[in-house]
Amino acid sequence: MTLVQAILLGIIQGLTEFLPISSTAHIRIIPALLGWPDPGAAFTAVIQIGTLAAVLIYFSRDILRIVLATLKGITNGKFFETPDARMGWMIIIGTIPIVVLGLLFKKQITGSLRSLYVVSAAMIGLAVLLVIAEWATKQRALVNAKQKTLAELGWLDAIAVGFAQCVALIPGASRSGVTITGGLFLGMTRETAARFSFLLSLPSVFAAGVFELYSERQELASAGFANLAVATLVSGIVGYLSIDWLLKYLRTRTTYAFIIYRFIVGIALLVLLSQGWIAAN
């Protein structure tokens, strides 16, 4: 891996991690189009630590408040006394499904599921689900149904979005895409769904990054730890800007731009594969 490749992969990761268009898909597709080797699932997981840092910095006040409230609840035995303490436990509970399934299906996630046929199917499949979620959101708006804010989320919301997050283990699905979709189905505002999506990603992204950094250290060494560090730093900087842009965008707009983009990329990828212009694996 060259320094230029590392920088470009960092930019791709930062731009696409938080938009509902799948960072993993783009880190598979763009190198394939450029004739580069697949950087691998381990590389992808580690540079996500950069986008994890972006979330920590962007939501630092919220995260500090949630952590302190959770710790205070543990020490005084009143675990769910405040909304922030409940949010801390909801994030923990919502993370359990993806950790369990990620460990159970690690071989498939890092191997056969990285096929570009799987990626294209996931790109199109989630686009269809997002269309349905947007339609459901519009129907609720027509009858003036109240949409949930972050403070109004409950245990069932956390568990349901936690299971939705598991779909992101399939390359091309998009972690933010599946969790935002799940949030919309549950009646959240678009901005609330995105905020909860970002907060919920913290434990699993951190755990995956550290696990892959340790367990795949020999494979990662072939890419060069300097390149890995550069890609991680770039992904963090670009990721921070992406978070800010997306939250402002979703306050007044739908996700249809991303839906159209997913359809175009998914179909174009199928065409490229069928013509033999790029290899599936």
Protein backbone atom coordinates (compact mmCIF):
# COMPACT_ATOMS: atom_id res chain seq x y z
CA MET A 1 0.00 0.00 0.00
CA THR A 2 1.31 3.44 -0.93
CA LEU A 3 0.81 6.64 1.05
CA VAL A 4 -1.52 7.98 -1.66
CA GLN A 5 -3.67 4.84 -1.41
CA ALA A 6 -3.78 5.16 2.39
CA ILE A 7 -4.88 8.81 2.18
CA LEU A 8 -7.59 8.04 -0.39
CA LEU A 9 -8.90 5.10 1.68
CA GLY A 10 -8.99 7.38 4.73
CA ILE A 11 -11.00 9.98 2.82
CA ILE A 12 -13.41 7.31 1.57
CA GLN A 13 -13.86 5.92 5.09
CA GLY A 14 -14.47 9.36 6.61
CA LEU A 15 -16.90 10.43 3.90
CA THR A 16 -18.97 7.27 3.82
CA GLU A 17 -18.93 5.94 7.41
CA PHE A 18 -21.74 8.21 8.58
CA LEU A 19 -23.67 8.67 5.35
CA PRO A 20 -26.13 5.80 4.76
CA ILE A 21 -24.19 4.57 1.70
CA SER A 22 -21.75 2.06 3.31
CA SER A 23 -18.09 2.77 3.91
CA THR A 24 -17.20 -0.92 3.55
CA ALA A 25 -18.81 -1.04 0.11
CA HIS A 26 -16.82 1.93 -1.11
CA ILE A 27 -13.56 0.62 0.34
CA ARG A 28 -14.23 -2.58 -1.66
CA ILE A 29 -15.53 -0.95 -4.84
CA ILE A 30 -13.11 1.94 -5.40
CA PRO A 31 -9.88 -0.10 -5.01
CA ALA A 32 -11.40 -2.74 -7.34
CA LEU A 33 -12.12 -0.07 -9.98
CA LEU A 34 -8.59 1.31 -9.62
CA GLY A 35 -7.03 -2.14 -9.84
CA TRP A 36 -5.79 -2.09 -6.23
CA PRO A 37 -6.00 -5.15 -3.98
CA ASP A 38 -8.78 -5.35 -1.39
CA PRO A 39 -7.35 -3.63 1.73
CA GLY A 40 -9.17 -6.25 3.80
CA ALA A 41 -11.69 -6.31 6.61
CA ALA A 42 -8.99 -5.86 9.28
CA PHE A 43 -7.69 -2.65 7.66
CA THR A 44 -11.25 -1.35 7.35
CA ALA A 45 -12.02 -2.10 11.01
CA VAL A 46 -8.88 -0.37 12.26
CA ILE A 47 -9.25 2.86 10.30
CA GLN A 48 -12.79 3.06 11.67
CA ILE A 49 -11.08 4.06 14.92
CA GLY A 50 -10.52 7.41 13.19
CA THR A 51 -14.23 7.87 12.62
CA LEU A 52 -14.82 6.64 16.17
CA ALA A 53 -12.63 9.50 17.39
CA ALA A 54 -14.70 11.87 15.25
CA VAL A 55 -17.87 10.76 17.06
CA LEU A 56 -16.18 11.08 20.47
CA ILE A 57 -15.06 14.62 19.71
CA TYR A 58 -18.30 15.76 18.05
CA PHE A 59 -20.53 14.38 20.81
CA SER A 60 -18.00 14.87 23.64
CA ARG A 61 -20.42 16.77 25.90
CA ASP A 62 -23.24 14.26 25.41
CA ILE A 63 -20.89 11.30 25.88
CA LEU A 64 -19.32 12.73 29.05
CA ARG A 65 -22.75 13.43 30.50
CA ILE A 66 -23.98 9.91 29.67
CA VAL A 67 -20.85 8.22 31.06
CA LEU A 68 -20.92 10.21 34.32
CA ALA A 69 -24.65 9.57 34.80
CA THR A 70 -24.17 5.84 34.14
CA LEU A 71 -21.27 5.59 36.61
CA LYS A 72 -23.19 7.57 39.22
CA GLY A 73 -26.17 5.23 38.79
CA ILE A 74 -23.90 2.23 39.36
CA THR A 75 -22.33 3.67 42.50
CA ASN A 76 -25.61 4.68 44.15
CA GLY A 77 -27.51 1.59 42.99
CA LYS A 78 -30.02 3.61 40.96
CA PHE A 79 -29.04 2.43 37.51
CA PHE A 80 -31.82 4.05 35.49
CA GLU A 81 -32.57 7.11 37.62
CA THR A 82 -31.88 9.75 34.95
CA PRO A 83 -32.43 9.88 31.17
CA ASP A 84 -28.65 10.01 30.61
CA ALA A 85 -28.08 6.93 32.76
CA ARG A 86 -30.79 5.07 30.85
CA MET A 87 -29.21 6.13 27.57
CA GLY A 88 -25.87 4.70 28.72
CA TRP A 89 -27.45 1.32 29.47
CA MET A 90 -29.49 1.42 26.25
CA ILE A 91 -26.27 1.86 24.26
CA ILE A 92 -24.71 -1.10 26.11
CA ILE A 93 -27.75 -3.34 25.57
CA GLY A 94 -28.10 -2.25 21.94
CA THR A 95 -24.46 -3.21 21.31
CA ILE A 96 -24.74 -6.81 22.55
CA PRO A 97 -26.38 -8.29 19.40
CA ILE A 98 -23.70 -7.06 16.97
CA VAL A 99 -20.87 -8.19 19.26
CA VAL A 100 -22.30 -11.71 19.55
CA LEU A 101 -23.11 -12.09 15.84
CA GLY A 102 -19.85 -10.43 14.80
CA LEU A 103 -17.84 -13.03 16.71
CA LEU A 104 -20.01 -15.93 15.54
CA PHE A 105 -19.78 -15.03 11.85
CA LYS A 106 -16.33 -13.42 11.74
CA LYS A 107 -15.05 -15.90 9.13
CA GLN A 108 -17.90 -15.15 6.73
CA ILE A 109 -17.77 -11.38 7.34
CA THR A 110 -14.06 -11.19 6.53
CA GLY A 111 -14.30 -13.73 3.71
CA SER A 112 -17.21 -14.73 1.48
CA LEU A 113 -19.46 -11.80 2.40
CA ARG A 114 -16.90 -9.35 0.95
CA SER A 115 -17.89 -10.51 -2.55
CA LEU A 116 -18.95 -7.55 -4.67
CA TYR A 117 -22.13 -9.45 -5.57
CA VAL A 118 -23.05 -9.37 -1.87
CA VAL A 119 -22.12 -5.69 -1.70
CA SER A 120 -24.31 -4.80 -4.69
CA ALA A 121 -27.26 -6.77 -3.28
CA ALA A 122 -26.89 -5.03 0.08
CA MET A 123 -26.68 -1.60 -1.57
CA ILE A 124 -29.95 -2.19 -3.44
CA GLY A 125 -31.70 -4.05 -0.61
CA LEU A 126 -31.19 -1.32 1.97
CA ALA A 127 -32.25 1.31 -0.56
CA VAL A 128 -35.60 -0.50 -0.82
CA LEU A 129 -35.93 -0.60 2.99
CA LEU A 130 -35.10 3.12 3.23
CA VAL A 131 -37.83 3.90 0.70
CA ILE A 132 -40.35 2.02 2.86
CA ALA A 133 -39.08 3.76 6.02
CA GLU A 134 -39.41 7.19 4.37
CA TRP A 135 -42.93 6.31 3.24
CA ALA A 136 -43.84 5.28 6.81
CA THR A 137 -42.37 8.54 8.14
CA LYS A 138 -44.45 10.54 5.65
CA GLN A 139 -47.63 8.70 6.66
CA ARG A 140 -47.03 9.54 10.33
CA ALA A 141 -46.47 13.18 9.40
CA LEU A 142 -49.78 13.28 7.50
CA VAL A 143 -51.68 12.29 10.66
CA ASN A 144 -49.52 14.57 12.86
CA ALA A 145 -48.16 11.61 14.83
CA LYS A 146 -45.47 12.65 17.30
CA GLN A 147 -41.95 11.66 16.33
CA LYS A 148 -39.51 10.52 19.01
CA THR A 149 -36.57 12.64 20.13
CA LEU A 150 -33.41 11.24 21.72
CA ALA A 151 -34.75 11.86 25.24
CA GLU A 152 -37.92 9.89 24.46
CA LEU A 153 -36.27 6.65 23.34
CA GLY A 154 -37.05 3.51 25.32
CA TRP A 155 -35.64 0.04 25.86
CA LEU A 156 -37.48 -1.51 22.93
CA ASP A 157 -36.09 1.21 20.65
CA ALA A 158 -32.55 0.43 21.78
CA ILE A 159 -32.96 -3.33 21.36
CA ALA A 160 -34.64 -3.02 17.96
CA VAL A 161 -32.00 -0.63 16.59
CA GLY A 162 -29.32 -2.84 18.14
CA PHE A 163 -30.57 -5.81 16.13
CA ALA A 164 -30.87 -3.60 13.04
CA GLN A 165 -27.21 -2.69 13.49
CA CYS A 166 -26.33 -6.38 13.03
CA VAL A 167 -27.30 -6.11 9.36
CA ALA A 168 -24.29 -3.78 8.98
CA LEU A 169 -22.07 -6.86 9.35
CA ILE A 170 -22.95 -7.50 5.70
CA PRO A 171 -20.62 -5.34 3.57
CA GLY A 172 -22.65 -2.81 1.62
CA ALA A 173 -25.47 -2.56 4.15
CA SER A 174 -24.03 0.50 6.01
CA ARG A 175 -24.01 0.78 9.78
CA SER A 176 -25.55 4.26 9.75
CA GLY A 177 -27.93 3.20 6.98
CA VAL A 178 -29.45 0.23 8.81
CA THR A 179 -29.67 2.00 12.17
CA ILE A 180 -31.19 5.15 10.70
CA THR A 181 -33.65 2.97 8.80
CA GLY A 182 -34.52 1.12 12.01
CA GLY A 183 -34.96 4.44 13.80
CA LEU A 184 -37.34 5.75 11.14
CA PHE A 185 -39.46 2.58 11.35
CA LEU A 186 -39.66 3.14 15.13
CA GLY A 187 -40.97 6.69 14.70
CA MET A 188 -37.81 8.71 15.39
CA THR A 189 -37.07 11.97 13.66
CA ARG A 190 -34.35 11.65 11.03
CA GLU A 191 -31.90 13.65 13.13
CA THR A 192 -32.68 11.57 16.24
CA ALA A 193 -32.18 8.33 14.30
CA ALA A 194 -28.80 9.59 13.07
CA ARG A 195 -27.68 10.78 16.52
CA PHE A 196 -28.62 7.50 18.19
CA SER A 197 -26.94 5.64 15.33
CA PHE A 198 -23.66 7.45 15.95
CA LEU A 199 -23.78 6.96 19.74
CA LEU A 200 -24.69 3.28 19.37
CA SER A 201 -21.71 2.72 17.06
CA LEU A 202 -19.13 3.71 19.69
CA PRO A 203 -18.69 0.43 21.65
CA SER A 204 -18.83 -1.93 18.66
CA VAL A 205 -16.51 0.13 16.43
CA PHE A 206 -13.99 0.49 19.25
CA ALA A 207 -14.12 -3.23 20.08
CA ALA A 208 -13.83 -4.28 16.42
CA GLY A 209 -10.91 -1.92 15.78
CA VAL A 210 -8.91 -3.02 18.83
CA PHE A 211 -9.67 -6.71 18.19
CA GLU A 212 -8.56 -6.55 14.55
CA LEU A 213 -5.49 -4.44 15.40
CA TYR A 214 -4.33 -7.15 17.79
CA SER A 215 -5.47 -10.35 16.07
CA GLU A 216 -4.48 -9.31 12.53
CA ARG A 217 -1.32 -7.36 13.39
CA GLN A 218 0.83 -9.44 11.02
CA GLU A 219 -1.54 -8.90 8.08
CA LEU A 220 -1.79 -5.19 8.89
CA ALA A 221 2.00 -4.92 8.99
CA SER A 222 2.06 -5.71 5.25
CA ALA A 223 0.08 -2.51 4.61
CA GLY A 224 2.54 -0.56 6.77
CA PHE A 225 1.64 0.83 10.16
CA ALA A 226 2.56 4.34 8.99
CA ASN A 227 -0.01 4.06 6.18
CA LEU A 228 -2.53 2.64 8.64
CA ALA A 229 -1.98 5.61 10.97
CA VAL A 230 -2.33 8.12 8.12
CA ALA A 231 -5.53 6.51 6.85
CA THR A 232 -6.97 6.50 10.38
CA LEU A 233 -6.09 10.18 10.95
CA VAL A 234 -7.56 11.26 7.61
CA SER A 235 -10.74 9.25 8.21
CA GLY A 236 -11.19 10.99 11.56
CA ILE A 237 -10.86 14.50 10.16
CA VAL A 238 -13.15 13.86 7.19
CA GLY A 239 -15.56 11.89 9.41
CA TYR A 240 -16.00 14.82 11.80
CA LEU A 241 -17.00 17.08 8.90
CA SER A 242 -19.36 14.39 7.58
CA ILE A 243 -21.19 14.09 10.92
CA ASP A 244 -21.76 17.83 11.10
CA TRP A 245 -22.99 17.99 7.51
CA LEU A 246 -25.33 14.99 7.79
CA LEU A 247 -27.06 16.14 10.99
CA LYS A 248 -27.74 19.57 9.50
CA TYR A 249 -28.93 17.96 6.26
CA LEU A 250 -31.40 15.59 7.95
CA ARG A 251 -33.05 18.38 9.95
CA THR A 252 -34.80 19.61 6.82
CA ARG A 253 -34.38 16.88 4.19
CA THR A 254 -35.21 13.22 3.58
CA THR A 255 -32.79 10.38 2.78
CA TYR A 256 -33.97 10.05 -0.83
CA ALA A 257 -30.69 11.42 -2.24
CA PHE A 258 -28.87 8.54 -0.56
CA ILE A 259 -31.53 6.07 -1.70
CA ILE A 260 -31.06 7.09 -5.35
CA TYR A 261 -27.29 6.93 -4.95
CA ARG A 262 -27.48 3.40 -3.50
CA PHE A 263 -29.66 2.20 -6.38
CA ILE A 264 -27.27 3.70 -8.97
CA VAL A 265 -24.14 2.23 -7.35
CA GLY A 266 -25.73 -1.17 -6.75
CA ILE A 267 -27.01 -1.53 -10.32
CA ALA A 268 -23.79 -0.15 -11.85
CA LEU A 269 -21.80 -2.64 -9.80
CA LEU A 270 -23.92 -5.53 -11.07
CA VAL A 271 -23.33 -4.37 -14.65
CA LEU A 272 -19.57 -4.15 -14.13
CA LEU A 273 -19.52 -7.62 -12.58
CA SER A 274 -21.68 -9.19 -15.28
CA GLN A 275 -19.43 -7.78 -18.01
CA GLY A 276 -16.33 -9.04 -16.25
CA TRP A 277 -14.84 -5.55 -15.93
CA ILE A 278 -14.15 -6.08 -12.23
CA ALA A 279 -13.73 -9.26 -10.16
CA ALA A 280 -16.24 -10.17 -7.46
CA ASN A 281 -13.54 -11.33 -5.00
